[in-house]
Amino acid sequence: MRKIFLIRHLKTTSNINGWISGTKEDKCIDIDKESKMDINKIINVQEMCCYTTETIRTRATIDRLCLDPAQFITDSRLEEIDAGLYASRSWEDFLNDFPDFSNKPLSDIH
């Protein structure tokens, strides 16, 4: 049986501020090159199929985790949704405009 590891991107300005980012490029913050975490010490990444998007935040995460970018397959199906007018706005803004979504879990919104 294969294991699946889901690795989220590093923290971004939008994450800190509670903004919706979607496809808007948002650089990672707190990237300290001296404190890279070698994920290869935790899991054997060499034996895995790795997929990613082309966003700056995912590429920065690959670098921060000491992963080989050549090992990753870019798949456009993994791209985040286009948030349109709500990019760089808060969830509160969205919910004020669409109150019917306030009682639904985020998994139902997509």
Protein backbone atom coordinates (compact mmCIF):
# COMPACT_ATOMS: atom_id res chain seq x y z
CA MET A 1 0.00 0.00 0.00
CA ARG A 2 1.34 3.43 -0.95
CA LYS A 3 1.32 6.34 1.43
CA ILE A 4 0.26 9.78 0.30
CA PHE A 5 1.92 12.84 1.81
CA LEU A 6 0.31 16.21 1.32
CA ILE A 7 2.70 19.09 1.83
CA ARG A 8 1.23 22.52 1.95
CA HIS A 9 3.23 25.57 0.92
CA LEU A 10 5.04 27.71 3.46
CA LYS A 11 3.23 30.54 5.20
CA THR A 12 2.44 33.53 2.99
CA THR A 13 1.41 37.12 3.61
CA SER A 14 -2.16 36.19 2.66
CA ASN A 15 -2.16 33.36 5.23
CA ILE A 16 -0.98 35.71 7.98
CA ASN A 17 -3.59 38.36 7.13
CA GLY A 18 -6.48 35.94 6.53
CA TRP A 19 -6.80 36.96 2.89
CA ILE A 20 -8.00 34.83 0.00
CA SER A 21 -5.14 34.32 -2.44
CA GLY A 22 -6.29 31.77 -5.03
CA THR A 23 -4.09 32.00 -8.12
CA LYS A 24 -2.62 35.36 -7.07
CA GLU A 25 1.10 34.96 -6.55
CA ASP A 26 2.00 35.41 -2.93
CA LYS A 27 5.57 35.04 -1.74
CA CYS A 28 6.42 32.91 1.25
CA ILE A 29 7.59 34.65 4.38
CA ASP A 30 10.00 33.61 7.10
CA ILE A 31 12.25 31.78 4.68
CA ASP A 32 15.54 31.46 6.47
CA LYS A 33 18.02 29.68 4.20
CA GLU A 34 20.08 28.72 7.25
CA SER A 35 17.23 26.76 8.81
CA LYS A 36 16.21 24.46 5.99
CA MET A 37 14.45 21.31 7.08
CA ASP A 38 15.70 18.20 5.33
CA ILE A 39 12.45 16.29 4.89
CA ASN A 40 14.45 13.36 3.52
CA LYS A 41 15.32 12.56 7.16
CA ILE A 42 11.60 12.10 7.89
CA ILE A 43 10.31 10.33 4.78
CA ASN A 44 12.05 8.67 1.84
CA VAL A 45 11.16 11.19 -0.85
CA GLN A 46 13.42 9.54 -3.43
CA GLU A 47 10.93 6.69 -3.88
CA MET A 48 7.93 8.94 -4.37
CA CYS A 49 6.10 10.52 -7.25
CA CYS A 50 5.92 14.22 -6.45
CA TYR A 51 3.52 16.67 -8.05
CA THR A 52 3.38 20.43 -7.74
CA THR A 53 2.16 23.66 -9.27
CA GLU A 54 4.34 26.39 -10.75
CA THR A 55 3.60 29.00 -8.08
CA ILE A 56 6.40 30.84 -6.32
CA ARG A 57 5.13 29.60 -2.95
CA THR A 58 5.31 25.93 -3.91
CA ARG A 59 8.77 26.31 -5.46
CA ALA A 60 9.99 28.07 -2.28
CA THR A 61 8.59 25.23 -0.20
CA ILE A 62 10.41 22.62 -2.31
CA ASP A 63 13.64 24.54 -1.76
CA ARG A 64 13.04 24.98 1.99
CA LEU A 65 12.45 21.24 2.44
CA CYS A 66 15.72 20.38 0.63
CA LEU A 67 13.90 18.60 -2.17
CA ASP A 68 15.19 18.16 -5.71
CA PRO A 69 13.01 20.28 -8.05
CA ALA A 70 13.80 17.88 -10.91
CA GLN A 71 11.89 15.17 -9.04
CA PHE A 72 8.61 17.12 -9.25
CA ILE A 73 6.05 16.84 -12.00
CA THR A 74 4.13 20.05 -12.64
CA ASP A 75 0.41 19.42 -12.92
CA SER A 76 -1.89 22.32 -13.80
CA ARG A 77 -4.86 20.46 -12.28
CA LEU A 78 -3.41 21.29 -8.87
CA GLU A 79 -3.60 25.05 -9.43
CA GLU A 80 -5.70 26.97 -6.96
CA ILE A 81 -8.99 28.48 -8.05
CA ASP A 82 -9.10 32.02 -9.38
CA ALA A 83 -10.53 34.12 -6.54
CA GLY A 84 -11.38 36.94 -8.95
CA LEU A 85 -12.45 40.11 -7.16
CA TYR A 86 -11.83 38.45 -3.80
CA ALA A 87 -8.08 37.94 -4.27
CA SER A 88 -6.30 39.73 -1.41
CA ARG A 89 -9.59 40.23 0.43
CA SER A 90 -10.68 38.52 3.62
CA TRP A 91 -13.08 35.63 4.09
CA GLU A 92 -15.21 38.07 6.08
CA ASP A 93 -15.59 40.22 2.93
CA PHE A 94 -16.68 37.16 0.99
CA LEU A 95 -19.13 36.03 3.68
CA ASN A 96 -20.60 39.54 3.98
CA ASP A 97 -21.39 39.42 0.26
CA PHE A 98 -22.53 35.77 0.31
CA PRO A 99 -23.98 35.08 3.78
CA ASP A 100 -25.46 31.72 2.68
CA PHE A 101 -21.93 30.29 2.76
CA SER A 102 -21.35 31.21 6.41
CA ASN A 103 -23.02 28.03 7.67
CA LYS A 104 -21.18 25.66 5.34
CA PRO A 105 -17.81 24.03 5.90
CA LEU A 106 -15.11 25.25 3.51
CA SER A 107 -15.00 21.81 1.87
CA ASP A 108 -18.56 22.40 0.61
CA ILE A 109 -17.74 25.79 -0.90
CA HIS A 110 -15.37 24.47 -3.56
